[in-house]
Amino acid sequence: MTQIRASAPGKLILAGEYAVLDGAAAISMAVDRRAVVTVAPRAGKRHAVTAPGFCESEGLFSGGSGELAWHDGGEDFLLFEKVWVAAGLSSPIPLSFTLDTRSFREQGVKTGVGSSAALAVALATAMSAIGGGDSAKVARRAHREFQGGTGSGVDIASSLAGGVIEYRLDESAGQVLAWPEGLHYAVLWSGVAADTRSKLEHLQVQPVRASRAGLHDAADRFATVFRGGSVSRVLDELNHYKDAMRQFDADCELGIFDAGHAPLADAASGHGAVYKPCGAGGGDVGIALAATEESLASFTELARSFGFRRLVMNLDLQGAMLTEEEQ
């Protein structure tokens, strides 16, 4: 058997987080932090899975055709189990799986750019290469079950496609967009890990307020302007979206602008930039957009004094990738 190597990128949500759950457009960019899955034959009677940098344990298991039984270490590999079952994989020889998401961490802390979705896509790509099947469907099903039925699927769509996409709820794939010429960005890391699942669970029990519809409308307006490519209009609409997001956050008490995001959002306009947290917020990363690199440099220097760090993180035009090598 050949050794298989599959990878998929993480993502940043420029606009549409939370609103995408109500059918609004989300604009998402794939970033060059990739989950890498390597599959090779191994000696012994069991399949094995390891995740360097995530846990020290080794999972040993048997199974096939949509079944998996752990013999050791399975508690650390729930997402792997979900993908294996969804793929219905069966192999006549024992396999070794290595799951590498170390590029998604800084100083041992997750950055919040979609590592679980990227890993689900990379795993589904590798398993589909071995046993056949639709890797996109496998990744979507497995990741949704891993998240307890929550989430929109935008992170999976981004990891599959790469580049920039416009995505709406339950679409099988997003519409690929071009990055507006002359629009500059900086990814800023709070140093604090956020809990996306708890925020989504909290949102589910909140009463529906007018700010939720306002966020939906602001997300759709931003998507329309982003497609047009005008940098000045993109910045204006992102600023409006950020304001709608803050009102929604205050009404629902989600803490999206906690962990230092709020003062940065307030200060950005004085440096010619627009800043907002990405995804669930309350930590993880945010993105600053500006018309010039000079404006970004000025703002990121201020962000550094607030305890934020600019990450070297770029748009990744490649989605899921697969290579095979002879052993």
Protein backbone atom coordinates (compact mmCIF):
# COMPACT_ATOMS: atom_id res chain seq x y z
CA MET A 1 0.00 0.00 0.00
CA THR A 2 1.12 3.56 -0.65
CA GLN A 3 1.50 6.12 2.11
CA ILE A 4 -1.24 8.74 1.88
CA ARG A 5 -0.88 12.34 2.95
CA ALA A 6 -3.90 14.65 3.01
CA SER A 7 -4.14 18.23 4.21
CA ALA A 8 -6.70 21.02 4.48
CA PRO A 9 -6.51 24.69 5.51
CA GLY A 10 -8.02 26.51 8.44
CA LYS A 11 -10.27 29.54 8.03
CA LEU A 12 -11.14 33.04 9.22
CA ILE A 13 -14.66 34.46 9.07
CA LEU A 14 -14.54 38.02 7.76
CA ALA A 15 -18.27 38.56 8.32
CA GLY A 16 -21.38 36.48 8.89
CA GLU A 17 -20.53 34.56 12.07
CA TYR A 18 -23.72 33.81 14.04
CA ALA A 19 -25.80 35.44 11.25
CA VAL A 20 -25.00 32.51 8.96
CA LEU A 21 -27.02 30.30 11.32
CA ASP A 22 -30.09 32.33 10.29
CA GLY A 23 -29.42 32.02 6.57
CA ALA A 24 -27.28 35.12 6.02
CA ALA A 25 -24.16 35.10 3.88
CA ALA A 26 -20.80 34.46 5.51
CA ILE A 27 -17.54 35.53 3.88
CA SER A 28 -14.75 33.15 4.85
CA MET A 29 -11.09 33.01 3.86
CA ALA A 30 -8.92 29.91 4.04
CA VAL A 31 -5.59 30.47 5.81
CA ASP A 32 -2.26 28.73 5.48
CA ARG A 33 -2.40 26.80 8.71
CA ARG A 34 -3.08 23.26 7.55
CA ALA A 35 -4.18 20.07 9.24
CA VAL A 36 -2.10 17.18 7.91
CA VAL A 37 -3.12 13.50 8.02
CA THR A 38 -0.65 10.75 7.13
CA VAL A 39 -1.83 7.15 6.65
CA ALA A 40 0.54 4.19 6.27
CA PRO A 41 0.42 0.42 6.80
CA ARG A 42 1.63 -0.81 10.17
CA ALA A 43 2.66 -4.07 11.80
CA GLY A 44 0.35 -5.65 14.36
CA LYS A 45 -3.30 -6.56 14.53
CA ARG A 46 -4.89 -3.17 15.29
CA HIS A 47 -5.21 0.16 13.57
CA ALA A 48 -3.48 3.03 15.39
CA VAL A 49 -3.94 6.80 15.57
CA THR A 50 -1.71 9.49 17.12
CA ALA A 51 -1.95 13.28 17.27
CA PRO A 52 1.45 14.85 18.00
CA GLY A 53 1.19 18.18 19.74
CA PHE A 54 -2.42 17.52 20.74
CA CYS A 55 -2.11 14.51 23.03
CA GLU A 56 0.52 11.97 24.02
CA SER A 57 -1.72 8.92 23.84
CA GLU A 58 -2.00 6.38 21.03
CA GLY A 59 -5.39 5.07 20.09
CA LEU A 60 -5.63 1.42 19.11
CA PHE A 61 -8.81 0.19 17.47
CA SER A 62 -10.44 -2.31 15.16
CA GLY A 63 -13.41 -1.89 12.89
CA GLY A 64 -14.72 -1.47 9.40
CA SER A 65 -17.79 -0.66 7.31
CA GLY A 66 -18.94 2.14 9.61
CA GLU A 67 -17.93 0.49 12.90
CA LEU A 68 -15.10 1.24 15.31
CA ALA A 69 -14.13 -0.41 18.60
CA TRP A 70 -11.43 1.15 20.77
CA HIS A 71 -8.95 -1.09 22.52
CA ASP A 72 -6.88 1.72 24.03
CA GLY A 73 -6.78 5.53 24.10
CA GLY A 74 -10.02 6.33 22.30
CA GLU A 75 -11.09 9.19 24.59
CA ASP A 76 -8.78 11.64 22.78
CA PHE A 77 -9.95 10.81 19.27
CA LEU A 78 -13.69 11.53 19.08
CA LEU A 79 -13.45 13.49 15.81
CA PHE A 80 -11.39 10.71 14.24
CA GLU A 81 -14.06 8.20 15.28
CA LYS A 82 -16.83 10.34 13.76
CA VAL A 83 -15.00 10.56 10.42
CA TRP A 84 -14.15 6.84 10.38
CA VAL A 85 -17.78 5.87 10.96
CA ALA A 86 -19.11 8.42 8.44
CA ALA A 87 -16.63 7.19 5.82
CA GLY A 88 -17.55 3.54 6.38
CA LEU A 89 -13.89 2.69 5.95
CA SER A 90 -12.70 -0.90 5.92
CA SER A 91 -9.10 -2.01 5.42
CA PRO A 92 -7.75 -5.56 5.09
CA ILE A 93 -4.44 -4.46 6.63
CA PRO A 94 -3.74 -2.51 9.85
CA LEU A 95 -3.25 1.22 9.28
CA SER A 96 -1.43 3.95 11.17
CA PHE A 97 -2.97 7.44 11.18
CA THR A 98 -0.97 10.51 12.23
CA LEU A 99 -3.02 13.68 12.80
CA ASP A 100 -0.98 16.89 12.85
CA THR A 101 -2.67 20.19 13.78
CA ARG A 102 0.34 21.81 15.44
CA SER A 103 0.29 24.76 13.04
CA PHE A 104 -3.04 25.84 14.58
CA ARG A 105 -1.43 26.56 17.96
CA GLU A 106 0.69 29.40 19.27
CA GLN A 107 2.65 28.84 22.45
CA GLY A 108 0.57 25.72 23.06
CA VAL A 109 -2.76 27.59 22.81
CA LYS A 110 -5.25 27.14 19.97
CA THR A 111 -5.67 30.19 17.75
CA GLY A 112 -9.27 29.47 16.77
CA VAL A 113 -8.96 29.25 12.99
CA GLY A 114 -10.91 26.05 12.41
CA SER A 115 -8.54 23.24 13.30
CA SER A 116 -11.28 20.66 13.88
CA ALA A 117 -12.95 21.38 10.53
CA ALA A 118 -9.61 21.29 8.71
CA LEU A 119 -8.78 17.98 10.38
CA ALA A 120 -12.20 16.54 9.50
CA VAL A 121 -11.68 17.49 5.85
CA ALA A 122 -8.13 16.11 5.75
CA LEU A 123 -9.26 12.85 7.38
CA ALA A 124 -12.24 12.51 5.05
CA THR A 125 -9.98 13.16 2.05
CA ALA A 126 -7.52 10.48 3.15
CA MET A 127 -10.20 7.91 4.01
CA SER A 128 -12.07 8.48 0.76
CA ALA A 129 -8.83 7.88 -1.14
CA ILE A 130 -8.56 4.50 0.59
CA GLY A 131 -12.15 3.33 0.57
CA GLY A 132 -13.97 5.56 -1.90
CA GLY A 133 -16.93 7.77 -1.12
CA ASP A 134 -17.66 11.50 -1.11
CA SER A 135 -15.12 13.22 1.13
CA ALA A 136 -17.16 16.45 1.33
CA LYS A 137 -20.27 14.64 2.57
CA VAL A 138 -18.22 12.61 5.04
CA ALA A 139 -16.52 15.71 6.46
CA ARG A 140 -19.77 17.66 6.81
CA ARG A 141 -21.60 14.80 8.54
CA ALA A 142 -18.75 13.88 10.87
CA HIS A 143 -17.96 17.44 11.93
CA ARG A 144 -21.58 18.31 12.58
CA GLU A 145 -21.94 15.21 14.80
CA PHE A 146 -18.67 16.12 16.54
CA GLN A 147 -20.12 19.57 17.31
CA GLY A 148 -23.29 18.09 18.74
CA GLY A 149 -25.45 19.14 15.81
CA THR A 150 -24.50 22.83 15.98
CA GLY A 151 -22.66 24.97 13.47
CA SER A 152 -23.34 26.14 9.93
CA GLY A 153 -20.78 24.19 7.91
CA VAL A 154 -18.94 27.30 6.68
CA ASP A 155 -15.66 26.09 8.19
CA ILE A 156 -15.91 22.76 6.36
CA ALA A 157 -16.72 24.55 3.08
CA SER A 158 -13.69 26.81 3.52
CA SER A 159 -11.35 23.91 4.21
CA LEU A 160 -12.62 22.03 1.17
CA ALA A 161 -12.44 24.94 -1.27
CA GLY A 162 -9.57 27.14 -0.13
CA GLY A 163 -9.44 30.80 -1.14
CA VAL A 164 -12.32 33.12 -0.27
CA ILE A 165 -15.92 31.92 -0.37
CA GLU A 166 -19.40 33.25 0.20
CA TYR A 167 -21.39 30.61 2.05
CA ARG A 168 -24.99 30.19 3.16
CA LEU A 169 -26.43 27.64 5.57
CA ASP A 170 -26.56 24.04 4.38
CA GLU A 171 -24.95 24.79 1.01
CA SER A 172 -22.80 21.94 -0.23
CA ALA A 173 -20.14 24.44 -1.27
CA GLY A 174 -19.58 28.16 -1.16
CA GLN A 175 -19.26 30.56 -4.08
CA VAL A 176 -15.59 31.29 -4.76
CA LEU A 177 -14.75 35.01 -4.67
CA ALA A 178 -11.72 37.13 -5.51
CA TRP A 179 -9.86 39.05 -2.81
CA PRO A 180 -10.41 42.80 -3.46
CA GLU A 181 -7.29 44.38 -4.94
CA GLY A 182 -5.71 46.84 -2.52
CA LEU A 183 -7.41 45.45 0.59
CA HIS A 184 -4.82 44.69 3.27
CA TYR A 185 -5.31 42.58 6.38
CA ALA A 186 -3.62 41.58 9.61
CA VAL A 187 -4.56 38.65 11.84
CA LEU A 188 -4.25 39.49 15.54
CA TRP A 189 -4.16 36.84 18.25
CA SER A 190 -5.53 37.54 21.73
CA GLY A 191 -3.59 34.75 23.40
CA VAL A 192 -6.86 33.51 24.94
CA ALA A 193 -8.63 30.37 23.70
CA ALA A 194 -12.37 30.75 23.07
CA ASP A 195 -15.07 28.11 23.48
CA THR A 196 -17.22 28.15 20.35
CA ARG A 197 -19.56 25.35 21.42
CA SER A 198 -20.55 27.00 24.70
CA LYS A 199 -21.38 30.25 22.89
CA LEU A 200 -23.57 28.45 20.35
CA GLU A 201 -25.34 26.59 23.15
CA HIS A 202 -25.92 29.89 24.98
CA LEU A 203 -27.32 31.48 21.82
CA GLN A 204 -29.84 28.67 21.40
CA VAL A 205 -31.63 29.61 24.63
CA GLN A 206 -31.67 33.38 23.97
CA PRO A 207 -34.90 35.12 22.95
CA VAL A 208 -34.90 36.51 19.40
CA ARG A 209 -34.17 40.24 19.43
CA ALA A 210 -34.13 42.89 16.71
CA SER A 211 -30.34 42.96 16.75
CA ARG A 212 -30.27 39.42 15.40
CA ALA A 213 -32.11 40.51 12.25
CA GLY A 214 -29.83 43.54 12.10
CA LEU A 215 -26.78 41.31 12.12
CA HIS A 216 -28.32 39.19 9.33
CA ASP A 217 -28.90 42.27 7.15
CA ALA A 218 -25.43 43.65 7.84
CA ALA A 219 -23.83 40.34 6.84
CA ASP A 220 -25.73 40.24 3.55
CA ARG A 221 -24.79 43.85 2.78
CA PHE A 222 -21.13 43.12 3.44
CA ALA A 223 -21.22 40.09 1.13
CA THR A 224 -22.72 42.18 -1.66
CA VAL A 225 -20.08 44.88 -1.29
CA PHE A 226 -17.23 42.35 -0.99
CA ARG A 227 -18.26 40.82 -4.31
CA GLY A 228 -18.03 44.29 -5.87
CA GLY A 229 -14.39 44.68 -4.87
CA SER A 230 -14.37 48.35 -3.81
CA VAL A 231 -11.94 48.65 -0.88
CA SER A 232 -13.53 51.80 0.57
CA ARG A 233 -17.01 50.26 0.49
CA VAL A 234 -15.74 46.97 1.96
CA LEU A 235 -14.22 48.87 4.88
CA ASP A 236 -17.38 50.95 5.40
CA GLU A 237 -19.66 47.91 5.39
CA LEU A 238 -17.35 45.90 7.64
CA ASN A 239 -17.50 48.78 10.10
CA HIS A 240 -21.31 48.68 9.97
CA TYR A 241 -21.22 44.91 10.41
CA LYS A 242 -18.90 45.24 13.41
CA ASP A 243 -21.34 47.71 15.01
CA ALA A 244 -24.28 45.34 14.38
CA MET A 245 -22.24 42.52 15.88
CA ARG A 246 -21.56 44.54 19.03
CA GLN A 247 -25.26 45.25 19.50
CA PHE A 248 -26.09 41.59 18.96
CA ASP A 249 -23.36 40.65 21.43
CA ALA A 250 -24.70 43.03 24.08
CA ASP A 251 -28.28 41.78 23.68
CA CYS A 252 -27.36 38.08 23.80
CA GLU A 253 -24.56 38.39 26.39
CA LEU A 254 -22.20 36.20 24.38
CA GLY A 255 -18.97 37.99 25.24
CA ILE A 256 -17.86 38.17 21.59
CA PHE A 257 -15.84 41.34 22.21
CA ASP A 258 -14.28 40.15 25.48
CA ALA A 259 -10.59 39.26 25.91
CA GLY A 260 -9.49 42.67 24.65
CA HIS A 261 -11.36 42.78 21.34
CA ALA A 262 -13.60 45.70 22.36
CA PRO A 263 -10.90 48.36 22.97
CA LEU A 264 -9.14 47.34 19.75
CA ALA A 265 -12.37 47.71 17.77
CA ASP A 266 -12.85 51.17 19.32
CA ALA A 267 -9.31 52.29 18.49
CA ALA A 268 -9.08 51.01 14.92
CA SER A 269 -10.70 53.95 13.13
CA GLY A 270 -8.08 56.31 14.54
CA HIS A 271 -5.47 54.30 12.66
CA GLY A 272 -7.36 54.01 9.37
CA ALA A 273 -8.44 50.42 9.98
CA VAL A 274 -11.49 48.34 10.86
CA TYR A 275 -11.10 45.57 13.43
CA LYS A 276 -13.40 42.78 14.60
CA PRO A 277 -13.10 39.39 16.31
CA CYS A 278 -13.47 36.37 14.03
CA GLY A 279 -15.77 33.44 14.63
CA ALA A 280 -17.25 32.95 18.09
CA GLY A 281 -15.08 35.70 19.60
CA GLY A 282 -14.34 36.12 23.27
CA GLY A 283 -10.70 35.27 22.58
CA ASP A 284 -8.90 33.53 19.70
CA VAL A 285 -8.16 35.85 16.77
CA GLY A 286 -9.50 38.98 15.14
CA ILE A 287 -8.85 40.60 11.80
CA ALA A 288 -7.95 44.16 10.90
CA LEU A 289 -8.61 45.45 7.38
CA ALA A 290 -7.21 48.66 5.90
CA ALA A 291 -6.53 50.36 2.59
CA THR A 292 -2.78 50.60 3.21
CA GLU A 293 -0.04 48.57 4.87
CA GLU A 294 1.00 51.71 6.74
CA SER A 295 -2.39 51.89 8.45
CA LEU A 296 -2.12 48.21 9.40
CA ALA A 297 1.39 48.69 10.77
CA SER A 298 0.23 51.60 12.93
CA PHE A 299 -2.75 49.68 14.24
CA THR A 300 -0.88 46.44 14.90
CA GLU A 301 1.70 48.34 16.93
CA LEU A 302 -1.16 49.62 19.09
CA ALA A 303 -2.57 46.06 19.29
CA ARG A 304 0.79 44.84 20.55
CA SER A 305 0.59 47.29 23.44
CA PHE A 306 -2.84 45.78 24.24
CA GLY A 307 -1.27 42.33 24.50
CA PHE A 308 -2.21 41.11 21.01
CA ARG A 309 0.23 39.55 18.58
CA ARG A 310 0.18 39.77 14.79
CA LEU A 311 0.32 36.28 13.32
CA VAL A 312 2.03 35.41 10.05
CA MET A 313 -1.12 34.01 8.46
CA ASN A 314 -1.93 34.34 4.77
CA LEU A 315 -4.76 33.53 2.40
CA ASP A 316 -4.44 29.92 1.21
CA LEU A 317 -5.80 29.43 -2.30
CA GLN A 318 -5.54 25.64 -2.03
CA GLY A 319 -8.30 23.64 -0.43
CA ALA A 320 -8.07 19.94 0.47
CA MET A 321 -5.01 18.25 -1.05
CA LEU A 322 -3.97 14.60 -1.41
CA THR A 323 -0.68 12.94 -2.29
CA GLU A 324 0.33 9.28 -2.38
CA GLU A 325 3.85 7.90 -2.05
CA GLU A 326 5.18 4.40 -2.47
CA GLN A 327 6.54 2.83 0.73
